[in-house]
PDB file of N, CA and C in Angstrom:
ATOM      1  N   MET A   1      -3.086   4.717   7.601  1.00  0.00           N
ATOM      2  CA  MET A   1      -3.241   3.548   6.982  1.00  0.00           C
ATOM      3  C   MET A   1      -3.522   2.349   7.018  1.00  0.00           C
ATOM      4  N   GLU A   2      -4.688   1.363   6.974  1.00  0.00           N
ATOM      5  CA  GLU A   2      -4.732   0.263   7.229  1.00  0.00           C
ATOM      6  C   GLU A   2      -5.406  -0.612   6.976  1.00  0.00           C
ATOM      7  N   ILE A   3      -4.807  -2.112   7.397  1.00  0.00           N
ATOM      8  CA  ILE A   3      -5.194  -3.099   5.845  1.00  0.00           C
ATOM      9  C   ILE A   3      -6.488  -2.806   5.979  1.00  0.00           C
ATOM     10  N   GLY A   4      -7.129  -3.389   4.224  1.00  0.00           N
ATOM     11  CA  GLY A   4      -8.181  -3.116   3.828  1.00  0.00           C
ATOM     12  C   GLY A   4      -8.073  -2.215   3.068  1.00  0.00           C
ATOM     13  N   ASP A   5      -7.141  -1.159   3.292  1.00  0.00           N
ATOM     14  CA  ASP A   5      -7.421   0.165   2.699  1.00  0.00           C
ATOM     15  C   ASP A   5      -7.123  -0.038   0.951  1.00  0.00           C
ATOM     16  N   ARG A   6      -7.352   0.365   0.246  1.00  0.00           N
ATOM     17  CA  ARG A   6      -6.429   0.829  -1.789  1.00  0.00           C
ATOM     18  C   ARG A   6      -5.635   1.576  -0.962  1.00  0.00           C
ATOM     19  N   VAL A   7      -4.361   1.971  -1.847  1.00  0.00           N
ATOM     20  CA  VAL A   7      -3.462   2.203  -1.953  1.00  0.00           C
ATOM     21  C   VAL A   7      -2.618   2.316  -3.087  1.00  0.00           C
ATOM     22  N   VAL A   8      -1.438   3.316  -3.068  1.00  0.00           N
ATOM     23  CA  VAL A   8      -0.554   3.201  -4.836  1.00  0.00           C
ATOM     24  C   VAL A   8       0.395   3.653  -4.083  1.00  0.00           C
ATOM     25  N   CYS A   9       1.584   2.804  -4.583  1.00  0.00           N
ATOM     26  CA  CYS A   9       3.225   3.190  -4.418  1.00  0.00           C
ATOM     27  C   CYS A   9       3.301   4.567  -5.259  1.00  0.00           C
ATOM     28  N   MET A  10       4.047   5.522  -4.108  1.00  0.00           N
ATOM     29  CA  MET A  10       4.205   6.355  -4.931  1.00  0.00           C
ATOM     30  C   MET A  10       5.502   6.542  -5.819  1.00  0.00           C
ATOM     31  N   VAL A  11       6.355   5.587  -5.590  1.00  0.00           N
ATOM     32  CA  VAL A  11       7.707   5.453  -6.327  1.00  0.00           C
ATOM     33  C   VAL A  11       7.548   4.432  -7.185  1.00  0.00           C
ATOM     34  N   SER A  12       6.460   3.585  -7.417  1.00  0.00           N
ATOM     35  CA  SER A  12       6.385   2.752  -8.593  1.00  0.00           C
ATOM     36  C   SER A  12       5.539   2.279  -8.862  1.00  0.00           C
ATOM     37  N   GLY A  13       3.933   3.272  -8.982  1.00  0.00           N
ATOM     38  CA  GLY A  13       2.790   2.945  -9.373  1.00  0.00           C
ATOM     39  C   GLY A  13       1.966   2.243  -9.031  1.00  0.00           C
ATOM     40  N   VAL A  14       2.391   1.191  -8.402  1.00  0.00           N
ATOM     41  CA  VAL A  14       1.753  -0.179  -7.947  1.00  0.00           C
ATOM     42  C   VAL A  14       0.569   0.097  -7.105  1.00  0.00           C
ATOM     43  N   ARG A  15      -0.488  -0.617  -7.612  1.00  0.00           N
ATOM     44  CA  ARG A  15      -1.713  -0.574  -6.842  1.00  0.00           C
ATOM     45  C   ARG A  15      -2.465  -1.648  -5.860  1.00  0.00           C
ATOM     46  N   GLY A  16      -2.839  -1.866  -5.128  1.00  0.00           N
ATOM     47  CA  GLY A  16      -4.104  -2.450  -5.045  1.00  0.00           C
ATOM     48  C   GLY A  16      -4.469  -2.136  -3.108  1.00  0.00           C
ATOM     49  N   VAL A  17      -4.441  -3.615  -2.360  1.00  0.00           N
ATOM     50  CA  VAL A  17      -5.342  -3.071  -1.061  1.00  0.00           C
ATOM     51  C   VAL A  17      -4.125  -3.943   0.762  1.00  0.00           C
ATOM     52  N   ILE A  18      -4.196  -3.439   0.922  1.00  0.00           N
ATOM     53  CA  ILE A  18      -3.160  -3.389   2.127  1.00  0.00           C
ATOM     54  C   ILE A  18      -3.657  -4.630   2.622  1.00  0.00           C
ATOM     55  N   THR A  19      -2.172  -5.767   3.159  1.00  0.00           N
ATOM     56  CA  THR A  19      -3.181  -6.720   3.076  1.00  0.00           C
ATOM     57  C   THR A  19      -2.203  -7.188   5.165  1.00  0.00           C
ATOM     58  N   LYS A  20      -0.698  -6.148   4.661  1.00  0.00           N
ATOM     59  CA  LYS A  20       0.251  -6.361   6.154  1.00  0.00           C
ATOM     60  C   LYS A  20       0.617  -5.226   6.018  1.00  0.00           C
ATOM     61  N   ILE A  21       0.875  -4.645   7.326  1.00  0.00           N
ATOM     62  CA  ILE A  21       1.400  -4.292   8.135  1.00  0.00           C
ATOM     63  C   ILE A  21       2.543  -4.502   9.088  1.00  0.00           C
ATOM     64  N   TYR A  22       3.952  -4.629   9.142  1.00  0.00           N
ATOM     65  CA  TYR A  22       4.513  -4.754   9.950  1.00  0.00           C
ATOM     66  C   TYR A  22       6.201  -4.104   9.727  1.00  0.00           C
ATOM     67  N   THR A  23       7.131  -4.539  10.703  1.00  0.00           N
ATOM     68  CA  THR A  23       8.238  -3.835  10.432  1.00  0.00           C
ATOM     69  C   THR A  23       9.338  -4.888  11.336  1.00  0.00           C
ATOM     70  N   PRO A  24       9.857  -5.197   9.762  1.00  0.00           N
ATOM     71  CA  PRO A  24      10.764  -6.037   9.647  1.00  0.00           C
ATOM     72  C   PRO A  24      12.176  -5.637  11.342  1.00  0.00           C
ATOM     73  N   THR A  25      13.124  -6.453  11.484  1.00  0.00           N
ATOM     74  CA  THR A  25      13.913  -6.297  12.345  1.00  0.00           C
ATOM     75  C   THR A  25      14.810  -5.227  11.266  1.00  0.00           C
ATOM     76  N   ALA A  26      15.787  -3.826  12.525  1.00  0.00           N
ATOM     77  CA  ALA A  26      16.347  -2.965  12.191  1.00  0.00           C
ATOM     78  C   ALA A  26      16.285  -3.217  10.942  1.00  0.00           C
ATOM     79  N   SER A  27      14.396  -2.388  10.425  1.00  0.00           N
ATOM     80  CA  SER A  27      14.514  -1.708   9.263  1.00  0.00           C
ATOM     81  C   SER A  27      13.536  -0.747   9.671  1.00  0.00           C
ATOM     82  N   ALA A  28      12.799   0.109   8.008  1.00  0.00           N
ATOM     83  CA  ALA A  28      11.586   0.615   8.864  1.00  0.00           C
ATOM     84  C   ALA A  28      10.430   0.009   8.168  1.00  0.00           C
ATOM     85  N   MET A  29       9.496   0.403   8.882  1.00  0.00           N
ATOM     86  CA  MET A  29       8.285  -0.382   8.506  1.00  0.00           C
ATOM     87  C   MET A  29       7.808  -0.640   7.094  1.00  0.00           C
ATOM     88  N   GLN A  30       7.456  -1.766   7.051  1.00  0.00           N
ATOM     89  CA  GLN A  30       6.641  -2.114   5.114  1.00  0.00           C
ATOM     90  C   GLN A  30       5.187  -2.173   5.663  1.00  0.00           C
ATOM     91  N   ILE A  31       4.605  -1.972   3.813  1.00  0.00           N
ATOM     92  CA  ILE A  31       3.416  -2.025   3.925  1.00  0.00           C
ATOM     93  C   ILE A  31       3.562  -3.326   2.846  1.00  0.00           C
ATOM     94  N   MET A  32       2.595  -4.485   2.436  1.00  0.00           N
ATOM     95  CA  MET A  32       2.830  -5.182   2.550  1.00  0.00           C
ATOM     96  C   MET A  32       1.014  -5.717   1.256  1.00  0.00           C
ATOM     97  N   VAL A  33       0.871  -5.129  -0.189  1.00  0.00           N
ATOM     98  CA  VAL A  33      -0.257  -5.175  -0.590  1.00  0.00           C
ATOM     99  C   VAL A  33      -0.652  -5.902  -1.782  1.00  0.00           C
ATOM    100  N   CYS A  34      -2.386  -6.951  -1.677  1.00  0.00           N
ATOM    101  CA  CYS A  34      -2.477  -7.533  -2.602  1.00  0.00           C
ATOM    102  C   CYS A  34      -2.541  -6.073  -3.954  1.00  0.00           C
ATOM    103  N   THR A  35      -2.417  -6.697  -5.302  1.00  0.00           N
ATOM    104  CA  THR A  35      -2.112  -6.410  -6.494  1.00  0.00           C
ATOM    105  C   THR A  35      -3.581  -6.657  -6.796  1.00  0.00           C
ATOM    106  N   ASP A  36      -4.081  -5.573  -8.231  1.00  0.00           N
ATOM    107  CA  ASP A  36      -5.425  -6.649  -8.785  1.00  0.00           C
ATOM    108  C   ASP A  36      -5.108  -7.746  -9.957  1.00  0.00           C
ATOM    109  N   ASP A  37      -4.111  -7.737  -9.634  1.00  0.00           N
ATOM    110  CA  ASP A  37      -3.869  -9.040 -10.862  1.00  0.00           C
ATOM    111  C   ASP A  37      -3.014 -10.767  -9.686  1.00  0.00           C
ATOM    112  N   GLY A  38      -3.350 -10.313  -7.948  1.00  0.00           N
ATOM    113  CA  GLY A  38      -3.038 -10.935  -7.391  1.00  0.00           C
ATOM    114  C   GLY A  38      -1.613 -11.099  -6.869  1.00  0.00           C
ATOM    115  N   ARG A  39      -0.810 -10.392  -7.225  1.00  0.00           N
ATOM    116  CA  ARG A  39       1.009 -10.781  -6.570  1.00  0.00           C
ATOM    117  C   ARG A  39       0.226 -10.046  -5.488  1.00  0.00           C
ATOM    118  N   LEU A  40       1.366 -10.550  -4.971  1.00  0.00           N
ATOM    119  CA  LEU A  40       1.910  -9.334  -3.603  1.00  0.00           C
ATOM    120  C   LEU A  40       3.666  -8.320  -3.979  1.00  0.00           C
ATOM    121  N   TYR A  41       3.347  -6.962  -2.360  1.00  0.00           N
ATOM    122  CA  TYR A  41       4.389  -6.430  -3.428  1.00  0.00           C
ATOM    123  C   TYR A  41       4.604  -5.555  -1.733  1.00  0.00           C
ATOM    124  N   HIS A  42       5.580  -5.218  -1.492  1.00  0.00           N
ATOM    125  CA  HIS A  42       6.402  -4.957  -0.239  1.00  0.00           C
ATOM    126  C   HIS A  42       6.612  -3.562  -0.728  1.00  0.00           C
ATOM    127  N   ALA A  43       6.457  -2.881   0.226  1.00  0.00           N
ATOM    128  CA  ALA A  43       7.751  -1.274   0.397  1.00  0.00           C
ATOM    129  C   ALA A  43       7.422  -0.585   1.872  1.00  0.00           C
ATOM    130  N   PRO A  44       8.685   0.414   1.816  1.00  0.00           N
ATOM    131  CA  PRO A  44       8.402   1.197   3.120  1.00  0.00           C
ATOM    132  C   PRO A  44       7.299   2.271   3.128  1.00  0.00           C
ATOM    133  N   TYR A  45       6.891   1.619   4.440  1.00  0.00           N
ATOM    134  CA  TYR A  45       5.172   2.429   4.837  1.00  0.00           C
ATOM    135  C   TYR A  45       5.025   4.185   4.146  1.00  0.00           C
ATOM    136  N   SER A  46       6.282   4.813   4.260  1.00  0.00           N
ATOM    137  CA  SER A  46       5.689   6.229   4.048  1.00  0.00           C
ATOM    138  C   SER A  46       6.487   6.276   2.346  1.00  0.00           C
ATOM    139  N   THR A  47       6.284   4.956   1.528  1.00  0.00           N
ATOM    140  CA  THR A  47       6.025   5.312  -0.533  1.00  0.00           C
ATOM    141  C   THR A  47       4.521   5.260  -0.825  1.00  0.00           C
ATOM    142  N   TRP A  48       3.905   4.844   0.779  1.00  0.00           N
ATOM    143  CA  TRP A  48       2.241   4.522   0.351  1.00  0.00           C
ATOM    144  C   TRP A  48       1.300   5.896   0.127  1.00  0.00           C
ATOM    145  N   ARG A  49       0.491   6.037  -0.487  1.00  0.00           N
ATOM    146  CA  ARG A  49      -0.191   6.788   0.355  1.00  0.00           C
ATOM    147  C   ARG A  49      -1.971   6.182  -0.430  1.00  0.00           C
ATOM    148  N   LEU A  50      -3.019   7.135   0.317  1.00  0.00           N
ATOM    149  CA  LEU A  50      -4.220   6.123  -0.126  1.00  0.00           C
ATOM    150  C   LEU A  50      -4.891   6.684  -1.466  1.00  0.00           C
ATOM    151  N   GLU A  51      -5.067   5.919  -2.421  1.00  0.00           N
ATOM    152  CA  GLU A  51      -5.610   6.015  -3.677  1.00  0.00           C
ATOM    153  C   GLU A  51      -6.884   6.500  -3.343  1.00  0.00           C
ATOM    154  N   GLU A  52      -7.277   7.388  -4.300  1.00  0.00           N
ATOM    155  CA  GLU A  52      -7.869   8.670  -4.773  1.00  0.00           C
ATOM    156  C   GLU A  52      -9.384   7.381  -5.257  1.00  0.00           C
ATOM    157  N   VAL A  53     -10.079   7.633  -4.732  1.00  0.00           N
ATOM    158  CA  VAL A  53     -11.883   6.949  -5.556  1.00  0.00           C
ATOM    159  C   VAL A  53     -12.276   7.547  -7.199  1.00  0.00           C
ATOM    160  N   LYS A  54     -12.771   7.198  -7.134  1.00  0.00           N
ATOM    161  CA  LYS A  54     -12.740   7.081  -8.759  1.00  0.00           C
ATOM    162  C   LYS A  54     -14.057   9.086  -8.962  1.00  0.00           C
ATOM    163  N   ASP A  55     -14.609   9.119  -8.158  1.00  0.00           N
ATOM    164  CA  ASP A  55     -15.236  10.820  -7.540  1.00  0.00           C
ATOM    165  C   ASP A  55     -14.524  10.893  -7.394  1.00  0.00           C
ATOM    166  N   GLY A  56     -14.025  11.299  -6.713  1.00  0.00           N
ATOM    167  CA  GLY A  56     -12.537  12.273  -6.673  1.00  0.00           C
ATOM    168  C   GLY A  56     -12.769  12.793  -5.382  1.00  0.00           C
ATOM    169  N   LYS A  57     -13.238  11.592  -3.823  1.00  0.00           N
ATOM    170  CA  LYS A  57     -12.950  11.748  -2.871  1.00  0.00           C
ATOM    171  C   LYS A  57     -11.769  11.061  -2.330  1.00  0.00           C
ATOM    172  N   GLY A  58     -11.071  11.256  -1.958  1.00  0.00           N
ATOM    173  CA  GLY A  58     -10.507  10.322  -0.992  1.00  0.00           C
ATOM    174  C   GLY A  58     -10.648  10.017   0.464  1.00  0.00           C
ATOM    175  N   ASP A  59     -10.265   9.407   1.404  1.00  0.00           N
ATOM    176  CA  ASP A  59     -10.116   9.070   3.204  1.00  0.00           C
ATOM    177  C   ASP A  59      -9.655  10.128   3.575  1.00  0.00           C
TER     178      ASP A  59
END
């Protein structure tokens, strides 16, 4: 996954576009997404997956 990809959080169901991938001090790698309504949402990298596109094909 990389910045600009559409992803969905497998834990919460939040969907959005990756705006930042980072590793906080003494913590697991995180992804920050901008949701469709403009909010920023952070969760561990391992909880995200690429979102399927509407025609059924994924990246």
